[in-house]
Amino acid sequence: MCTRPARHARLLEQARRDRRSARRRLAAHRRRRNLRRERPHQHRRPLQGHGHHRRLQRLPAGSRDGLSAHPSVEQCAVYGEPDERWGEAVIAAVVTRAGHEADADLLISHVRTAKGGVCTPKRIDFYERLPSTPLGKIDKKALRRRARFDAI
């Protein structure tokens, strides 16, 4: 049988633990809320600029994932090109697998159904081989220069 002071001490200790865990839960909630404020939705980031509509910068991960999931795509890169209406237009560079045929409209419709309209590239350029940096990464600066040179 428990004495009255021991039971009282046990109840006090349990109340202290409950308050401490409630404080911890509240602090964790505040940290998560602050992180959400610091890192807004990462697929759409507002660009600095003027105009009556909101200009958005698209990140390439969604388009790249949608393109690379297609069976006829061996390698792909996605980059942005300045656009008057949207701020930035999504452009894709694709290397097809040997023995596979790929059409730009087919790949665009594939990405649109897989990832949605925001991630859909406006244009797809086909290459034999994508330029790479000395570290082996795809050189997007070279792709932009090549696309600008082809447009002239």
C-alpha atoms as a PDB file:
ATOM      1  CA  MET A   1       0.000   0.000   0.000  1.00  0.00           C
ATOM      2  CA  CYS A   2       1.269   3.418  -0.994  1.00  0.00           C
ATOM      3  CA  THR A   3       1.614   6.158   1.552  1.00  0.00           C
ATOM      4  CA  ARG A   4       0.052   9.481   0.900  1.00  0.00           C
ATOM      5  CA  PRO A   5       3.327  11.502   0.498  1.00  0.00           C
ATOM      6  CA  ALA A   6       4.789   8.909  -1.914  1.00  0.00           C
ATOM      7  CA  ARG A   7       1.666   8.932  -4.062  1.00  0.00           C
ATOM      8  CA  HIS A   8       1.669  12.736  -4.024  1.00  0.00           C
ATOM      9  CA  ALA A   9       5.331  12.826  -5.108  1.00  0.00           C
ATOM     10  CA  ARG A  10       4.631  10.321  -7.904  1.00  0.00           C
ATOM     11  CA  LEU A  11       1.725  12.422  -9.180  1.00  0.00           C
ATOM     12  CA  LEU A  12       3.828  15.584  -9.059  1.00  0.00           C
ATOM     13  CA  GLU A  13       6.606  13.904 -11.047  1.00  0.00           C
ATOM     14  CA  GLN A  14       4.120  12.679 -13.671  1.00  0.00           C
ATOM     15  CA  ALA A  15       2.682  16.206 -14.024  1.00  0.00           C
ATOM     16  CA  ARG A  16       6.218  17.615 -14.465  1.00  0.00           C
ATOM     17  CA  ARG A  17       6.965  15.033 -17.193  1.00  0.00           C
ATOM     18  CA  ASP A  18       3.703  15.822 -18.993  1.00  0.00           C
ATOM     19  CA  ARG A  19       4.439  19.566 -18.953  1.00  0.00           C
ATOM     20  CA  ARG A  20       7.972  18.934 -20.220  1.00  0.00           C
ATOM     21  CA  SER A  21       6.754  16.739 -23.090  1.00  0.00           C
ATOM     22  CA  ALA A  22       4.084  19.312 -23.981  1.00  0.00           C
ATOM     23  CA  ARG A  23       6.767  22.037 -24.085  1.00  0.00           C
ATOM     24  CA  ARG A  24       8.948  19.829 -26.299  1.00  0.00           C
ATOM     25  CA  ARG A  25       6.085  19.132 -28.684  1.00  0.00           C
ATOM     26  CA  LEU A  26       5.303  22.851 -28.922  1.00  0.00           C
ATOM     27  CA  ALA A  27       8.961  23.719 -29.580  1.00  0.00           C
ATOM     28  CA  ALA A  28       9.176  21.074 -32.320  1.00  0.00           C
ATOM     29  CA  HIS A  29       6.007  22.438 -33.923  1.00  0.00           C
ATOM     30  CA  ARG A  30       7.442  25.960 -33.915  1.00  0.00           C
ATOM     31  CA  ARG A  31      10.700  24.740 -35.511  1.00  0.00           C
ATOM     32  CA  ARG A  32       8.787  22.951 -38.286  1.00  0.00           C
ATOM     33  CA  ARG A  33       6.605  26.008 -38.893  1.00  0.00           C
ATOM     34  CA  ASN A  34       9.676  28.264 -39.164  1.00  0.00           C
ATOM     35  CA  LEU A  35      11.321  25.866 -41.621  1.00  0.00           C
ATOM     36  CA  ARG A  36       8.227  25.957 -43.814  1.00  0.00           C
ATOM     37  CA  ARG A  37       8.393  29.735 -43.805  1.00  0.00           C
ATOM     38  CA  GLU A  38      12.087  29.748 -44.721  1.00  0.00           C
ATOM     39  CA  ARG A  39      11.763  27.169 -47.494  1.00  0.00           C
ATOM     40  CA  PRO A  40       8.543  27.728 -49.448  1.00  0.00           C
ATOM     41  CA  HIS A  41       7.343  25.290 -52.103  1.00  0.00           C
ATOM     42  CA  GLN A  42      10.495  24.485 -54.061  1.00  0.00           C
ATOM     43  CA  HIS A  43       9.026  23.817 -57.493  1.00  0.00           C
ATOM     44  CA  ARG A  44       7.847  27.409 -57.862  1.00  0.00           C
ATOM     45  CA  ARG A  45       9.924  30.329 -56.700  1.00  0.00           C
ATOM     46  CA  PRO A  46       8.812  33.891 -57.447  1.00  0.00           C
ATOM     47  CA  LEU A  47      11.278  35.914 -59.499  1.00  0.00           C
ATOM     48  CA  GLN A  48      12.098  39.486 -58.673  1.00  0.00           C
ATOM     49  CA  GLY A  49      10.642  41.762 -61.289  1.00  0.00           C
ATOM     50  CA  HIS A  50       7.761  43.937 -62.171  1.00  0.00           C
ATOM     51  CA  GLY A  51       4.554  43.394 -64.043  1.00  0.00           C
ATOM     52  CA  HIS A  52       0.950  42.754 -63.272  1.00  0.00           C
ATOM     53  CA  HIS A  53       1.274  38.971 -63.152  1.00  0.00           C
ATOM     54  CA  ARG A  54       3.465  36.758 -61.042  1.00  0.00           C
ATOM     55  CA  ARG A  55       6.529  35.416 -62.836  1.00  0.00           C
ATOM     56  CA  LEU A  56       7.723  31.995 -61.763  1.00  0.00           C
ATOM     57  CA  GLN A  57      11.017  30.173 -62.019  1.00  0.00           C
ATOM     58  CA  ARG A  58      10.680  26.426 -62.594  1.00  0.00           C
ATOM     59  CA  LEU A  59      13.145  24.009 -61.079  1.00  0.00           C
ATOM     60  CA  PRO A  60      14.224  21.216 -63.439  1.00  0.00           C
ATOM     61  CA  ALA A  61      13.767  18.180 -61.180  1.00  0.00           C
ATOM     62  CA  GLY A  62      10.140  17.434 -62.098  1.00  0.00           C
ATOM     63  CA  SER A  63      10.694  17.721 -65.853  1.00  0.00           C
ATOM     64  CA  ARG A  64      13.900  15.710 -65.711  1.00  0.00           C
ATOM     65  CA  ASP A  65      12.249  12.913 -63.717  1.00  0.00           C
ATOM     66  CA  GLY A  66       9.294  12.807 -66.115  1.00  0.00           C
ATOM     67  CA  LEU A  67      11.545  12.632 -69.174  1.00  0.00           C
ATOM     68  CA  SER A  68      13.990  10.081 -67.793  1.00  0.00           C
ATOM     69  CA  ALA A  69      11.077   7.754 -66.930  1.00  0.00           C
ATOM     70  CA  HIS A  70      10.288   7.365 -70.648  1.00  0.00           C
ATOM     71  CA  PRO A  71      11.805   4.136 -72.083  1.00  0.00           C
ATOM     72  CA  SER A  72      13.303   5.786 -75.177  1.00  0.00           C
ATOM     73  CA  VAL A  73      15.279   8.428 -73.240  1.00  0.00           C
ATOM     74  CA  GLU A  74      18.834   7.505 -72.333  1.00  0.00           C
ATOM     75  CA  GLN A  75      20.014  10.849 -70.984  1.00  0.00           C
ATOM     76  CA  CYS A  76      18.337  14.210 -70.515  1.00  0.00           C
ATOM     77  CA  ALA A  77      18.918  17.684 -69.152  1.00  0.00           C
ATOM     78  CA  VAL A  78      16.417  20.431 -68.437  1.00  0.00           C
ATOM     79  CA  TYR A  79      17.225  24.117 -68.270  1.00  0.00           C
ATOM     80  CA  GLY A  80      15.428  27.437 -68.361  1.00  0.00           C
ATOM     81  CA  GLU A  81      15.346  29.992 -71.130  1.00  0.00           C
ATOM     82  CA  PRO A  82      14.095  33.577 -70.659  1.00  0.00           C
ATOM     83  CA  ASP A  83      10.483  33.999 -71.708  1.00  0.00           C
ATOM     84  CA  GLU A  84       8.464  37.219 -71.855  1.00  0.00           C
ATOM     85  CA  ARG A  85       5.190  35.718 -70.712  1.00  0.00           C
ATOM     86  CA  TRP A  86       6.284  33.159 -68.095  1.00  0.00           C
ATOM     87  CA  GLY A  87       9.606  34.586 -66.947  1.00  0.00           C
ATOM     88  CA  GLU A  88      11.345  31.325 -67.793  1.00  0.00           C
ATOM     89  CA  ALA A  89      10.456  28.591 -70.289  1.00  0.00           C
ATOM     90  CA  VAL A  90      11.386  24.952 -69.667  1.00  0.00           C
ATOM     91  CA  ILE A  91      13.682  23.542 -72.394  1.00  0.00           C
ATOM     92  CA  ALA A  92      14.834  19.919 -72.522  1.00  0.00           C
ATOM     93  CA  ALA A  93      17.852  18.335 -74.181  1.00  0.00           C
ATOM     94  CA  VAL A  94      17.480  14.606 -74.838  1.00  0.00           C
ATOM     95  CA  VAL A  95      19.703  11.741 -75.992  1.00  0.00           C
ATOM     96  CA  THR A  96      17.643   8.760 -77.188  1.00  0.00           C
ATOM     97  CA  ARG A  97      18.526   5.115 -76.638  1.00  0.00           C
ATOM     98  CA  ALA A  98      19.986   3.156 -79.514  1.00  0.00           C
ATOM     99  CA  GLY A  99      17.222   1.557 -81.562  1.00  0.00           C
ATOM    100  CA  HIS A 100      14.469   3.728 -80.090  1.00  0.00           C
ATOM    101  CA  GLU A 101      12.642   6.498 -81.877  1.00  0.00           C
ATOM    102  CA  ALA A 102      11.321   9.462 -79.903  1.00  0.00           C
ATOM    103  CA  ASP A 103       9.136  12.302 -81.041  1.00  0.00           C
ATOM    104  CA  ALA A 104       9.114  15.671 -79.253  1.00  0.00           C
ATOM    105  CA  ASP A 105       5.305  15.728 -79.047  1.00  0.00           C
ATOM    106  CA  LEU A 106       5.253  12.213 -77.582  1.00  0.00           C
ATOM    107  CA  LEU A 107       7.779  13.136 -74.864  1.00  0.00           C
ATOM    108  CA  ILE A 108       5.976  16.399 -74.070  1.00  0.00           C
ATOM    109  CA  SER A 109       2.650  14.587 -73.661  1.00  0.00           C
ATOM    110  CA  HIS A 110       4.384  11.934 -71.503  1.00  0.00           C
ATOM    111  CA  VAL A 111       5.747  14.594 -69.123  1.00  0.00           C
ATOM    112  CA  ARG A 112       2.413  16.435 -69.065  1.00  0.00           C
ATOM    113  CA  THR A 113       0.522  13.301 -67.991  1.00  0.00           C
ATOM    114  CA  ALA A 114       3.214  12.275 -65.480  1.00  0.00           C
ATOM    115  CA  LYS A 115       4.102  15.621 -63.882  1.00  0.00           C
ATOM    116  CA  GLY A 116       1.539  18.213 -64.965  1.00  0.00           C
ATOM    117  CA  GLY A 117       1.573  21.359 -67.057  1.00  0.00           C
ATOM    118  CA  VAL A 118       4.041  23.363 -64.966  1.00  0.00           C
ATOM    119  CA  CYS A 119       6.855  20.840 -65.489  1.00  0.00           C
ATOM    120  CA  THR A 120       6.140  20.306 -69.187  1.00  0.00           C
ATOM    121  CA  PRO A 121       8.989  21.458 -71.451  1.00  0.00           C
ATOM    122  CA  LYS A 122       8.061  23.995 -74.113  1.00  0.00           C
ATOM    123  CA  ARG A 123      10.689  22.650 -76.493  1.00  0.00           C
ATOM    124  CA  ILE A 124      12.772  19.460 -76.737  1.00  0.00           C
ATOM    125  CA  ASP A 125      16.121  19.419 -78.535  1.00  0.00           C
ATOM    126  CA  PHE A 126      17.636  16.091 -79.575  1.00  0.00           C
ATOM    127  CA  TYR A 127      21.404  15.522 -79.398  1.00  0.00           C
ATOM    128  CA  GLU A 128      23.806  12.706 -80.184  1.00  0.00           C
ATOM    129  CA  ARG A 129      25.701  13.391 -76.956  1.00  0.00           C
ATOM    130  CA  LEU A 130      25.219  15.952 -74.189  1.00  0.00           C
ATOM    131  CA  PRO A 131      28.198  18.152 -73.287  1.00  0.00           C
ATOM    132  CA  SER A 132      29.760  17.415 -69.911  1.00  0.00           C
ATOM    133  CA  THR A 133      32.090  19.139 -67.483  1.00  0.00           C
ATOM    134  CA  PRO A 134      35.464  17.649 -66.476  1.00  0.00           C
ATOM    135  CA  LEU A 135      33.716  16.155 -63.428  1.00  0.00           C
ATOM    136  CA  GLY A 136      31.243  14.297 -65.660  1.00  0.00           C
ATOM    137  CA  LYS A 137      28.177  16.448 -64.988  1.00  0.00           C
ATOM    138  CA  ILE A 138      25.991  17.699 -67.836  1.00  0.00           C
ATOM    139  CA  ASP A 139      27.144  21.187 -68.819  1.00  0.00           C
ATOM    140  CA  LYS A 140      23.950  23.260 -68.970  1.00  0.00           C
ATOM    141  CA  LYS A 141      25.843  26.452 -69.781  1.00  0.00           C
ATOM    142  CA  ALA A 142      27.148  24.815 -72.958  1.00  0.00           C
ATOM    143  CA  LEU A 143      23.603  23.668 -73.794  1.00  0.00           C
ATOM    144  CA  ARG A 144      22.286  27.221 -73.390  1.00  0.00           C
ATOM    145  CA  ARG A 145      25.093  28.589 -75.600  1.00  0.00           C
ATOM    146  CA  ARG A 146      24.411  25.927 -78.228  1.00  0.00           C
ATOM    147  CA  ALA A 147      20.671  26.647 -78.198  1.00  0.00           C
ATOM    148  CA  ARG A 148      21.318  30.410 -78.474  1.00  0.00           C
ATOM    149  CA  PHE A 149      23.756  29.812 -81.370  1.00  0.00           C
ATOM    150  CA  ASP A 150      21.248  27.550 -83.193  1.00  0.00           C
ATOM    151  CA  ALA A 151      18.555  30.231 -82.840  1.00  0.00           C
ATOM    152  CA  ILE A 152      20.673  32.808 -84.696  1.00  0.00           C
END
